PDB file of all heavy atoms in Angstrom:
ATOM      1  N   ASP A   1      -8.620  15.862-108.069  1.00  0.00           N
ATOM      2  CA  ASP A   1      -7.681  15.205-108.912  1.00  0.00           C
ATOM      3  C   ASP A   1      -6.522  14.530-108.118  1.00  0.00           C
ATOM      4  O   ASP A   1      -5.875  13.594-108.691  1.00  0.00           O
ATOM      5  CB  ASP A   1      -7.127  16.073-110.016  1.00  0.00           C
ATOM      6  CG  ASP A   1      -8.167  16.477-111.080  1.00  0.00           C
ATOM      7  OD1 ASP A   1      -9.156  15.765-111.119  1.00  0.00           O
ATOM      8  OD2 ASP A   1      -7.926  17.506-111.825  1.00  0.00           O
ATOM      9  N   GLY A   2      -6.187  15.082-107.065  1.00  0.00           N
ATOM     10  CA  GLY A   2      -4.991  14.634-106.270  1.00  0.00           C
ATOM     11  C   GLY A   2      -5.413  13.633-105.234  1.00  0.00           C
ATOM     12  O   GLY A   2      -4.559  13.169-104.487  1.00  0.00           O
ATOM     13  N   SER A   3      -6.670  13.264-105.171  1.00  0.00           N
ATOM     14  CA  SER A   3      -7.176  12.414-104.151  1.00  0.00           C
ATOM     15  C   SER A   3      -6.508  10.950-104.318  1.00  0.00           C
ATOM     16  O   SER A   3      -6.077  10.556-105.380  1.00  0.00           O
ATOM     17  CB  SER A   3      -8.692  12.223-104.144  1.00  0.00           C
ATOM     18  OG  SER A   3      -9.123  11.403-105.338  1.00  0.00           O
ATOM     19  N   MET A   4      -6.503  10.295-103.226  1.00  0.00           N
ATOM     20  CA  MET A   4      -5.843   8.943-103.239  1.00  0.00           C
ATOM     21  C   MET A   4      -6.509   8.066-104.311  1.00  0.00           C
ATOM     22  O   MET A   4      -5.815   7.342-105.155  1.00  0.00           O
ATOM     23  CB  MET A   4      -6.005   8.314-101.858  1.00  0.00           C
ATOM     24  CG  MET A   4      -5.161   7.050-101.580  1.00  0.00           C
ATOM     25  SD  MET A   4      -5.367   6.376 -99.933  1.00  0.00           S
ATOM     26  CE  MET A   4      -4.733   7.708 -98.970  1.00  0.00           C
ATOM     27  N   GLU A   5      -7.835   8.086-104.343  1.00  0.00           N
ATOM     28  CA  GLU A   5      -8.610   7.243-105.303  1.00  0.00           C
ATOM     29  C   GLU A   5      -8.184   7.621-106.733  1.00  0.00           C
ATOM     30  O   GLU A   5      -8.002   6.695-107.585  1.00  0.00           O
ATOM     31  CB  GLU A   5     -10.053   7.274-105.106  1.00  0.00           C
ATOM     32  CG  GLU A   5     -10.519   6.875-103.695  1.00  0.00           C
ATOM     33  CD  GLU A   5     -10.320   7.762-102.624  1.00  0.00           C
ATOM     34  OE1 GLU A   5     -10.015   8.964-102.768  1.00  0.00           O
ATOM     35  OE2 GLU A   5     -10.562   7.343-101.421  1.00  0.00           O
ATOM     36  N   SER A   6      -8.107   8.969-107.005  1.00  0.00           N
ATOM     37  CA  SER A   6      -7.804   9.393-108.374  1.00  0.00           C
ATOM     38  C   SER A   6      -6.418   9.052-108.830  1.00  0.00           C
ATOM     39  O   SER A   6      -6.239   8.533-109.934  1.00  0.00           O
ATOM     40  CB  SER A   6      -8.012  10.924-108.534  1.00  0.00           C
ATOM     41  OG  SER A   6      -9.407  11.306-108.335  1.00  0.00           O
ATOM     42  N   VAL A   7      -5.498   9.194-107.894  1.00  0.00           N
ATOM     43  CA  VAL A   7      -4.047   8.929-108.191  1.00  0.00           C
ATOM     44  C   VAL A   7      -3.938   7.409-108.423  1.00  0.00           C
ATOM     45  O   VAL A   7      -3.177   7.003-109.354  1.00  0.00           O
ATOM     46  CB  VAL A   7      -3.113   9.474-107.179  1.00  0.00           C
ATOM     47  CG1 VAL A   7      -1.676   9.002-107.348  1.00  0.00           C
ATOM     48  CG2 VAL A   7      -3.202  11.022-107.091  1.00  0.00           C
ATOM     49  N   ILE A   8      -4.512   6.582-107.690  1.00  0.00           N
ATOM     50  CA  ILE A   8      -4.424   5.183-107.790  1.00  0.00           C
ATOM     51  C   ILE A   8      -5.022   4.770-109.102  1.00  0.00           C
ATOM     52  O   ILE A   8      -4.411   3.969-109.892  1.00  0.00           O
ATOM     53  CB  ILE A   8      -5.098   4.402-106.598  1.00  0.00           C
ATOM     54  CG1 ILE A   8      -4.266   4.588-105.319  1.00  0.00           C
ATOM     55  CG2 ILE A   8      -5.336   2.972-106.902  1.00  0.00           C
ATOM     56  CD1 ILE A   8      -4.901   4.113-104.042  1.00  0.00           C
ATOM     57  N   ALA A   9      -6.220   5.269-109.513  1.00  0.00           N
ATOM     58  CA  ALA A   9      -6.856   4.936-110.813  1.00  0.00           C
ATOM     59  C   ALA A   9      -5.996   5.434-112.001  1.00  0.00           C
ATOM     60  O   ALA A   9      -5.845   4.631-112.940  1.00  0.00           O
ATOM     61  CB  ALA A   9      -8.248   5.638-110.822  1.00  0.00           C
ATOM     62  N   LYS A  10      -5.402   6.702-111.838  1.00  0.00           N
ATOM     63  CA  LYS A  10      -4.587   7.160-112.936  1.00  0.00           C
ATOM     64  C   LYS A  10      -3.396   6.303-113.231  1.00  0.00           C
ATOM     65  O   LYS A  10      -2.857   6.227-114.367  1.00  0.00           O
ATOM     66  CB  LYS A  10      -4.128   8.614-112.644  1.00  0.00           C
ATOM     67  CG  LYS A  10      -5.089   9.585-112.819  1.00  0.00           C
ATOM     68  CD  LYS A  10      -4.596  10.923-112.397  1.00  0.00           C
ATOM     69  CE  LYS A  10      -5.724  11.939-111.979  1.00  0.00           C
ATOM     70  NZ  LYS A  10      -5.162  13.137-111.425  1.00  0.00           N
ATOM     71  N   ASN A  11      -2.865   5.625-112.217  1.00  0.00           N
ATOM     72  CA  ASN A  11      -1.676   4.801-112.298  1.00  0.00           C
ATOM     73  C   ASN A  11      -2.005   3.366-112.449  1.00  0.00           C
ATOM     74  O   ASN A  11      -1.072   2.490-112.257  1.00  0.00           O
ATOM     75  CB  ASN A  11      -0.818   5.020-111.045  1.00  0.00           C
ATOM     76  CG  ASN A  11      -0.006   6.344-111.225  1.00  0.00           C
ATOM     77  OD1 ASN A  11       0.987   6.486-111.788  1.00  0.00           O
ATOM     78  ND2 ASN A  11      -0.644   7.347-110.513  1.00  0.00           N
ATOM     79  N   ASN A  12      -3.221   3.013-112.771  1.00  0.00           N
ATOM     80  CA  ASN A  12      -3.644   1.600-112.968  1.00  0.00           C
ATOM     81  C   ASN A  12      -3.212   0.681-111.830  1.00  0.00           C
ATOM     82  O   ASN A  12      -2.886  -0.355-112.057  1.00  0.00           O
ATOM     83  CB  ASN A  12      -3.183   1.115-114.307  1.00  0.00           C
ATOM     84  CG  ASN A  12      -3.655   1.898-115.420  1.00  0.00           C
ATOM     85  OD1 ASN A  12      -4.878   2.193-115.576  1.00  0.00           O
ATOM     86  ND2 ASN A  12      -2.709   2.312-116.366  1.00  0.00           N
ATOM     87  N   ALA A  13      -3.430   1.172-110.628  1.00  0.00           N
ATOM     88  CA  ALA A  13      -3.029   0.390-109.466  1.00  0.00           C
ATOM     89  C   ALA A  13      -4.304  -0.025-108.667  1.00  0.00           C
ATOM     90  O   ALA A  13      -4.190  -0.505-107.490  1.00  0.00           O
ATOM     91  CB  ALA A  13      -2.131   1.209-108.516  1.00  0.00           C
ATOM     92  N   GLY A  14      -5.477  -0.007-109.253  1.00  0.00           N
ATOM     93  CA  GLY A  14      -6.745  -0.391-108.630  1.00  0.00           C
ATOM     94  C   GLY A  14      -6.652  -1.802-108.138  1.00  0.00           C
ATOM     95  O   GLY A  14      -7.156  -2.066-107.020  1.00  0.00           O
ATOM     96  N   ALA A  15      -6.201  -2.735-108.854  1.00  0.00           N
ATOM     97  CA  ALA A  15      -6.182  -4.183-108.548  1.00  0.00           C
ATOM     98  C   ALA A  15      -5.367  -4.348-107.284  1.00  0.00           C
ATOM     99  O   ALA A  15      -5.706  -5.007-106.288  1.00  0.00           O
ATOM    100  CB  ALA A  15      -5.761  -5.017-109.626  1.00  0.00           C
ATOM    101  N   ARG A  16      -4.114  -3.663-107.251  1.00  0.00           N
ATOM    102  CA  ARG A  16      -3.214  -3.847-106.114  1.00  0.00           C
ATOM    103  C   ARG A  16      -3.880  -3.128-104.905  1.00  0.00           C
ATOM    104  O   ARG A  16      -3.804  -3.673-103.755  1.00  0.00           O
ATOM    105  CB  ARG A  16      -1.925  -3.042-106.445  1.00  0.00           C
ATOM    106  CG  ARG A  16      -0.856  -3.251-105.391  1.00  0.00           C
ATOM    107  CD  ARG A  16       0.482  -2.699-105.914  1.00  0.00           C
ATOM    108  NE  ARG A  16       1.390  -2.499-104.910  1.00  0.00           N
ATOM    109  CZ  ARG A  16       2.459  -1.721-105.036  1.00  0.00           C
ATOM    110  NH1 ARG A  16       2.696  -1.038-106.066  1.00  0.00           N
ATOM    111  NH2 ARG A  16       3.235  -1.549-104.006  1.00  0.00           N
ATOM    112  N   TRP A  17      -4.585  -2.053-105.030  1.00  0.00           N
ATOM    113  CA  TRP A  17      -5.277  -1.373-103.869  1.00  0.00           C
ATOM    114  C   TRP A  17      -6.406  -2.262-103.365  1.00  0.00           C
ATOM    115  O   TRP A  17      -6.463  -2.450-102.156  1.00  0.00           O
ATOM    116  CB  TRP A  17      -5.842   0.034-104.432  1.00  0.00           C
ATOM    117  CG  TRP A  17      -6.535   0.774-103.334  1.00  0.00           C
ATOM    118  CD1 TRP A  17      -7.936   0.879-103.208  1.00  0.00           C
ATOM    119  CD2 TRP A  17      -5.987   1.352-102.311  1.00  0.00           C
ATOM    120  NE1 TRP A  17      -8.193   1.543-102.120  1.00  0.00           N
ATOM    121  CE2 TRP A  17      -7.050   1.939-101.511  1.00  0.00           C
ATOM    122  CE3 TRP A  17      -4.674   1.640-101.763  1.00  0.00           C
ATOM    123  CZ2 TRP A  17      -6.827   2.723-100.373  1.00  0.00           C
ATOM    124  CZ3 TRP A  17      -4.490   2.429-100.660  1.00  0.00           C
ATOM    125  CH2 TRP A  17      -5.582   2.918 -99.970  1.00  0.00           C
ATOM    126  N   GLN A  18      -7.177  -2.846-104.194  1.00  0.00           N
ATOM    127  CA  GLN A  18      -8.268  -3.836-103.817  1.00  0.00           C
ATOM    128  C   GLN A  18      -7.730  -4.940-102.997  1.00  0.00           C
ATOM    129  O   GLN A  18      -8.295  -5.416-101.937  1.00  0.00           O
ATOM    130  CB  GLN A  18      -9.091  -4.245-105.006  1.00  0.00           C
ATOM    131  CG  GLN A  18      -9.942  -3.132-105.532  1.00  0.00           C
ATOM    132  CD  GLN A  18     -10.830  -2.516-104.526  1.00  0.00           C
ATOM    133  OE1 GLN A  18     -11.490  -3.156-103.785  1.00  0.00           O
ATOM    134  NE2 GLN A  18     -10.915  -1.130-104.516  1.00  0.00           N
ATOM    135  N   GLU A  19      -6.489  -5.488-103.468  1.00  0.00           N
ATOM    136  CA  GLU A  19      -5.975  -6.641-102.739  1.00  0.00           C
ATOM    137  C   GLU A  19      -5.594  -6.159-101.305  1.00  0.00           C
ATOM    138  O   GLU A  19      -5.808  -6.877-100.314  1.00  0.00           O
ATOM    139  CB  GLU A  19      -4.722  -7.058-103.568  1.00  0.00           C
ATOM    140  CG  GLU A  19      -4.007  -8.329-102.967  1.00  0.00           C
ATOM    141  CD  GLU A  19      -2.868  -7.957-102.088  1.00  0.00           C
ATOM    142  OE1 GLU A  19      -2.231  -6.898-102.297  1.00  0.00           O
ATOM    143  OE2 GLU A  19      -2.599  -8.684-101.074  1.00  0.00           O
ATOM    144  N   LEU A  20      -4.931  -5.020-101.203  1.00  0.00           N
ATOM    145  CA  LEU A  20      -4.526  -4.436 -99.988  1.00  0.00           C
ATOM    146  C   LEU A  20      -5.746  -4.236 -98.963  1.00  0.00           C
ATOM    147  O   LEU A  20      -5.726  -4.418 -97.755  1.00  0.00           O
ATOM    148  CB  LEU A  20      -3.698  -3.234-100.157  1.00  0.00           C
ATOM    149  CG  LEU A  20      -2.328  -3.408-100.689  1.00  0.00           C
ATOM    150  CD1 LEU A  20      -1.757  -2.103-101.118  1.00  0.00           C
ATOM    151  CD2 LEU A  20      -1.429  -4.159 -99.745  1.00  0.00           C
ATOM    152  N   MET A  21      -6.740  -3.671 -99.616  1.00  0.00           N
ATOM    153  CA  MET A  21      -7.993  -3.376 -98.740  1.00  0.00           C
ATOM    154  C   MET A  21      -8.618  -4.750 -98.309  1.00  0.00           C
ATOM    155  O   MET A  21      -9.126  -4.775 -97.262  1.00  0.00           O
ATOM    156  CB  MET A  21      -8.963  -2.556 -99.594  1.00  0.00           C
ATOM    157  CG  MET A  21      -8.461  -1.132 -99.840  1.00  0.00           C
ATOM    158  SD  MET A  21      -8.067  -0.124 -98.339  1.00  0.00           S
ATOM    159  CE  MET A  21      -6.284  -0.354 -98.217  1.00  0.00           C
ATOM    160  N   GLY A  22      -8.560  -5.661 -99.164  1.00  0.00           N
ATOM    161  CA  GLY A  22      -9.099  -7.116 -98.722  1.00  0.00           C
ATOM    162  C   GLY A  22      -8.314  -7.558 -97.603  1.00  0.00           C
ATOM    163  O   GLY A  22      -8.847  -8.163 -96.606  1.00  0.00           O
ATOM    164  N   ARG A  23      -7.005  -7.445 -97.667  1.00  0.00           N
ATOM    165  CA  ARG A  23      -6.120  -7.923 -96.539  1.00  0.00           C
ATOM    166  C   ARG A  23      -6.411  -7.065 -95.216  1.00  0.00           C
ATOM    167  O   ARG A  23      -6.552  -7.600 -94.215  1.00  0.00           O
ATOM    168  CB  ARG A  23      -4.710  -7.846 -96.836  1.00  0.00           C
ATOM    169  CG  ARG A  23      -4.215  -8.797 -97.831  1.00  0.00           C
ATOM    170  CD  ARG A  23      -2.752  -8.570 -98.357  1.00  0.00           C
ATOM    171  NE  ARG A  23      -1.880  -8.362 -97.297  1.00  0.00           N
ATOM    172  CZ  ARG A  23      -0.673  -7.753 -97.466  1.00  0.00           C
ATOM    173  NH1 ARG A  23      -0.378  -7.262 -98.663  1.00  0.00           N
ATOM    174  NH2 ARG A  23       0.175  -7.539 -96.488  1.00  0.00           N
ATOM    175  N   MET A  24      -6.647  -5.782 -95.424  1.00  0.00           N
ATOM    176  CA  MET A  24      -6.925  -4.918 -94.335  1.00  0.00           C
ATOM    177  C   MET A  24      -8.222  -5.263 -93.648  1.00  0.00           C
ATOM    178  O   MET A  24      -8.311  -5.228 -92.383  1.00  0.00           O
ATOM    179  CB  MET A  24      -6.922  -3.427 -94.747  1.00  0.00           C
ATOM    180  CG  MET A  24      -7.075  -2.419 -93.633  1.00  0.00           C
ATOM    181  SD  MET A  24      -5.682  -2.484 -92.355  1.00  0.00           S
ATOM    182  CE  MET A  24      -4.383  -1.507 -93.256  1.00  0.00           C
ATOM    183  N   SER A  25      -9.268  -5.557 -94.411  1.00  0.00           N
ATOM    184  CA  SER A  25     -10.485  -5.923 -93.872  1.00  0.00           C
ATOM    185  C   SER A  25     -10.459  -7.183 -92.996  1.00  0.00           C
ATOM    186  O   SER A  25     -11.388  -7.322 -92.158  1.00  0.00           O
ATOM    187  CB  SER A  25     -11.601  -6.037 -95.024  1.00  0.00           C
ATOM    188  OG  SER A  25     -11.338  -7.144 -95.703  1.00  0.00           O
ATOM    189  N   GLN A  26      -9.548  -7.963 -93.159  1.00  0.00           N
ATOM    190  CA  GLN A  26      -9.419  -9.269 -92.459  1.00  0.00           C
ATOM    191  C   GLN A  26      -8.742  -8.985 -91.027  1.00  0.00           C
ATOM    192  O   GLN A  26      -8.960  -9.814 -90.063  1.00  0.00           O
ATOM    193  CB  GLN A  26      -8.532 -10.244 -93.081  1.00  0.00           C
ATOM    194  CG  GLN A  26      -9.210 -10.739 -94.416  1.00  0.00           C
ATOM    195  CD  GLN A  26      -8.365 -11.612 -95.179  1.00  0.00           C
ATOM    196  OE1 GLN A  26      -7.248 -12.077 -94.706  1.00  0.00           O
ATOM    197  NE2 GLN A  26      -8.754 -11.944 -96.431  1.00  0.00           N
ATOM    198  N   VAL A  27      -8.124  -7.756 -90.800  1.00  0.00           N
ATOM    199  CA  VAL A  27      -7.428  -7.509 -89.517  1.00  0.00           C
ATOM    200  C   VAL A  27      -8.039  -6.315 -88.780  1.00  0.00           C
ATOM    201  O   VAL A  27      -7.476  -5.936 -87.709  1.00  0.00           O
ATOM    202  CB  VAL A  27      -5.871  -7.382 -89.724  1.00  0.00           C
ATOM    203  CG1 VAL A  27      -5.298  -8.632 -90.360  1.00  0.00           C
ATOM    204  CG2 VAL A  27      -5.533  -6.186 -90.559  1.00  0.00           C
ATOM    205  N   THR A  28      -9.008  -5.726 -89.332  1.00  0.00           N
ATOM    206  CA  THR A  28      -9.623  -4.593 -88.722  1.00  0.00           C
ATOM    207  C   THR A  28     -11.136  -4.752 -88.445  1.00  0.00           C
ATOM    208  O   THR A  28     -11.750  -5.632 -89.081  1.00  0.00           O
ATOM    209  CB  THR A  28      -9.461  -3.233 -89.588  1.00  0.00           C
ATOM    210  OG1 THR A  28     -10.048  -3.527 -90.845  1.00  0.00           O
ATOM    211  CG2 THR A  28      -8.020  -2.900 -89.655  1.00  0.00           C
ATOM    212  N   ILE A  29     -11.668  -4.005 -87.435  1.00  0.00           N
ATOM    213  CA  ILE A  29     -13.011  -4.195 -87.129  1.00  0.00           C
ATOM    214  C   ILE A  29     -13.871  -2.896 -87.284  1.00  0.00           C
ATOM    215  O   ILE A  29     -14.982  -2.810 -86.812  1.00  0.00           O
ATOM    216  CB  ILE A  29     -13.233  -4.665 -85.680  1.00  0.00           C
ATOM    217  CG1 ILE A  29     -12.423  -3.790 -84.611  1.00  0.00           C
ATOM    218  CG2 ILE A  29     -12.759  -6.152 -85.571  1.00  0.00           C
ATOM    219  CD1 ILE A  29     -12.584  -4.288 -83.255  1.00  0.00           C
ATOM    220  N   GLY A  30     -13.257  -1.854 -87.924  1.00  0.00           N
ATOM    221  CA  GLY A  30     -14.037  -0.638 -88.125  1.00  0.00           C
ATOM    222  C   GLY A  30     -13.026   0.531 -88.432  1.00  0.00           C
ATOM    223  O   GLY A  30     -11.887   0.380 -88.348  1.00  0.00           O
ATOM    224  N   ALA A  31     -13.672   1.586 -88.850  1.00  0.00           N
ATOM    225  CA  ALA A  31     -12.905   2.780 -89.362  1.00  0.00           C
ATOM    226  C   ALA A  31     -13.712   3.991 -89.171  1.00  0.00           C
ATOM    227  O   ALA A  31     -14.960   3.973 -89.138  1.00  0.00           O
ATOM    228  CB  ALA A  31     -12.486   2.629 -90.794  1.00  0.00           C
ATOM    229  N   GLU A  32     -13.016   5.118 -88.945  1.00  0.00           N
ATOM    230  CA  GLU A  32     -13.638   6.424 -88.769  1.00  0.00           C
ATOM    231  C   GLU A  32     -12.800   7.410 -89.514  1.00  0.00           C
ATOM    232  O   GLU A  32     -11.555   7.356 -89.614  1.00  0.00           O
ATOM    233  CB  GLU A  32     -13.827   6.882 -87.393  1.00  0.00           C
ATOM    234  CG  GLU A  32     -14.774   6.015 -86.514  1.00  0.00           C
ATOM    235  CD  GLU A  32     -14.757   6.498 -85.046  1.00  0.00           C
ATOM    236  OE1 GLU A  32     -13.881   7.248 -84.682  1.00  0.00           O
ATOM    237  OE2 GLU A  32     -15.654   6.031 -84.388  1.00  0.00           O
ATOM    238  N   SER A  33     -13.414   8.521 -90.011  1.00  0.00           N
ATOM    239  CA  SER A  33     -12.551   9.490 -90.716  1.00  0.00           C
ATOM    240  C   SER A  33     -13.013  10.852 -90.253  1.00  0.00           C
ATOM    241  O   SER A  33     -14.229  11.153 -90.155  1.00  0.00           O
ATOM    242  CB  SER A  33     -12.723   9.366 -92.251  1.00  0.00           C
ATOM    243  OG  SER A  33     -11.997  10.265 -92.909  1.00  0.00           O
ATOM    244  N   SER A  34     -12.003  11.674 -89.993  1.00  0.00           N
ATOM    245  CA  SER A  34     -12.286  13.091 -89.628  1.00  0.00           C
ATOM    246  C   SER A  34     -11.683  14.023 -90.682  1.00  0.00           C
ATOM    247  O   SER A  34     -10.412  13.934 -90.867  1.00  0.00           O
ATOM    248  CB  SER A  34     -11.696  13.503 -88.321  1.00  0.00           C
ATOM    249  OG  SER A  34     -12.118  12.622 -87.296  1.00  0.00           O
ATOM    250  N   LYS A  35     -12.415  14.721 -91.393  1.00  0.00           N
ATOM    251  CA  LYS A  35     -11.918  15.519 -92.502  1.00  0.00           C
ATOM    252  C   LYS A  35     -11.909  17.032 -92.149  1.00  0.00           C
ATOM    253  O   LYS A  35     -12.633  17.506 -91.291  1.00  0.00           O
ATOM    254  CB  LYS A  35     -12.832  15.458 -93.754  1.00  0.00           C
ATOM    255  CG  LYS A  35     -13.071  14.071 -94.182  1.00  0.00           C
ATOM    256  CD  LYS A  35     -11.844  13.404 -94.875  1.00  0.00           C
ATOM    257  CE  LYS A  35     -12.119  12.077 -95.433  1.00  0.00           C
ATOM    258  NZ  LYS A  35     -10.990  11.406 -95.794  1.00  0.00           N
ATOM    259  N   ARG A  36     -10.869  17.692 -92.694  1.00  0.00           N
ATOM    260  CA  ARG A  36     -10.685  19.139 -92.586  1.00  0.00           C
ATOM    261  C   ARG A  36     -10.682  19.778 -91.211  1.00  0.00           C
ATOM    262  O   ARG A  36     -11.266  20.757 -90.851  1.00  0.00           O
ATOM    263  CB  ARG A  36     -11.785  19.820 -93.410  1.00  0.00           C
ATOM    264  CG  ARG A  36     -11.629  19.534 -94.916  1.00  0.00           C
ATOM    265  CD  ARG A  36     -12.482  20.498 -95.718  1.00  0.00           C
ATOM    266  NE  ARG A  36     -11.889  21.867 -95.480  1.00  0.00           N
ATOM    267  CZ  ARG A  36     -11.896  22.745 -96.357  1.00  0.00           C
ATOM    268  NH1 ARG A  36     -12.437  22.534 -97.637  1.00  0.00           N
ATOM    269  NH2 ARG A  36     -11.548  24.021 -96.159  1.00  0.00           N
ATOM    270  N   TRP A  37      -9.825  19.065 -90.370  1.00  0.00           N
ATOM    271  CA  TRP A  37      -9.525  19.670 -89.090  1.00  0.00           C
ATOM    272  C   TRP A  37      -8.573  20.765 -89.296  1.00  0.00           C
ATOM    273  O   TRP A  37      -7.825  20.721 -90.292  1.00  0.00           O
ATOM    274  CB  TRP A  37      -8.831  18.643 -88.225  1.00  0.00           C
ATOM    275  CG  TRP A  37      -9.607  17.637 -87.519  1.00  0.00           C
ATOM    276  CD1 TRP A  37     -10.746  17.027 -87.927  1.00  0.00           C
ATOM    277  CD2 TRP A  37      -9.357  17.130 -86.244  1.00  0.00           C
ATOM    278  NE1 TRP A  37     -11.220  16.126 -87.056  1.00  0.00           N
ATOM    279  CE2 TRP A  37     -10.440  16.145 -85.994  1.00  0.00           C
ATOM    280  CE3 TRP A  37      -8.436  17.298 -85.302  1.00  0.00           C
ATOM    281  CZ2 TRP A  37     -10.466  15.438 -84.776  1.00  0.00           C
ATOM    282  CZ3 TRP A  37      -8.400  16.538 -84.196  1.00  0.00           C
ATOM    283  CH2 TRP A  37      -9.474  15.642 -83.990  1.00  0.00           C
ATOM    284  N   THR A  38      -8.641  21.815 -88.571  1.00  0.00           N
ATOM    285  CA  THR A  38      -7.631  22.856 -88.609  1.00  0.00           C
ATOM    286  C   THR A  38      -6.335  22.394 -87.919  1.00  0.00           C
ATOM    287  O   THR A  38      -6.431  21.856 -86.892  1.00  0.00           O
ATOM    288  CB  THR A  38      -8.120  24.168 -88.089  1.00  0.00           C
ATOM    289  OG1 THR A  38      -9.359  24.528 -88.738  1.00  0.00           O
ATOM    290  CG2 THR A  38      -7.130  25.317 -88.085  1.00  0.00           C
ATOM    291  N   TYR A  39      -5.258  22.633 -88.480  1.00  0.00           N
ATOM    292  CA  TYR A  39      -4.003  22.284 -87.789  1.00  0.00           C
ATOM    293  C   TYR A  39      -3.920  22.858 -86.399  1.00  0.00           C
ATOM    294  O   TYR A  39      -4.152  24.128 -86.286  1.00  0.00           O
ATOM    295  CB  TYR A  39      -2.777  22.766 -88.680  1.00  0.00           C
ATOM    296  CG  TYR A  39      -1.459  22.573 -87.957  1.00  0.00           C
ATOM    297  CD1 TYR A  39      -0.844  21.329 -87.926  1.00  0.00           C
ATOM    298  CD2 TYR A  39      -0.804  23.621 -87.355  1.00  0.00           C
ATOM    299  CE1 TYR A  39       0.372  21.086 -87.321  1.00  0.00           C
ATOM    300  CE2 TYR A  39       0.364  23.470 -86.737  1.00  0.00           C
ATOM    301  CZ  TYR A  39       0.939  22.204 -86.665  1.00  0.00           C
ATOM    302  OH  TYR A  39       2.231  22.028 -86.069  1.00  0.00           O
ATOM    303  N   MET A  40      -3.432  22.115 -85.459  1.00  0.00           N
ATOM    304  CA  MET A  40      -3.373  22.656 -84.017  1.00  0.00           C
ATOM    305  C   MET A  40      -1.958  22.462 -83.640  1.00  0.00           C
ATOM    306  O   MET A  40      -1.383  21.321 -83.543  1.00  0.00           O
ATOM    307  CB  MET A  40      -4.226  21.901 -83.123  1.00  0.00           C
ATOM    308  CG  MET A  40      -5.729  22.119 -83.401  1.00  0.00           C
ATOM    309  SD  MET A  40      -6.790  21.033 -82.369  1.00  0.00           S
ATOM    310  CE  MET A  40      -6.672  19.503 -83.175  1.00  0.00           C
ATOM    311  N   PRO A  41      -1.213  23.591 -83.449  1.00  0.00           N
ATOM    312  CA  PRO A  41       0.226  23.455 -83.098  1.00  0.00           C
ATOM    313  C   PRO A  41       0.492  22.737 -81.722  1.00  0.00           C
ATOM    314  O   PRO A  41       1.644  22.247 -81.540  1.00  0.00           O
ATOM    315  CB  PRO A  41       0.739  24.919 -82.980  1.00  0.00           C
ATOM    316  CG  PRO A  41      -0.486  25.757 -83.071  1.00  0.00           C
ATOM    317  CD  PRO A  41      -1.677  24.965 -83.557  1.00  0.00           C
TER     318      PRO A  41
END
């Protein structure tokens, strides 16, 4: 429920998000995601 996608949808900000992602796709050439790393001091 607290995910970025859920919060954006709950606040009716999907169109604004899509516009930003469209802009981002024009200036980037790829992405990677690393989930659930343990914090390292």
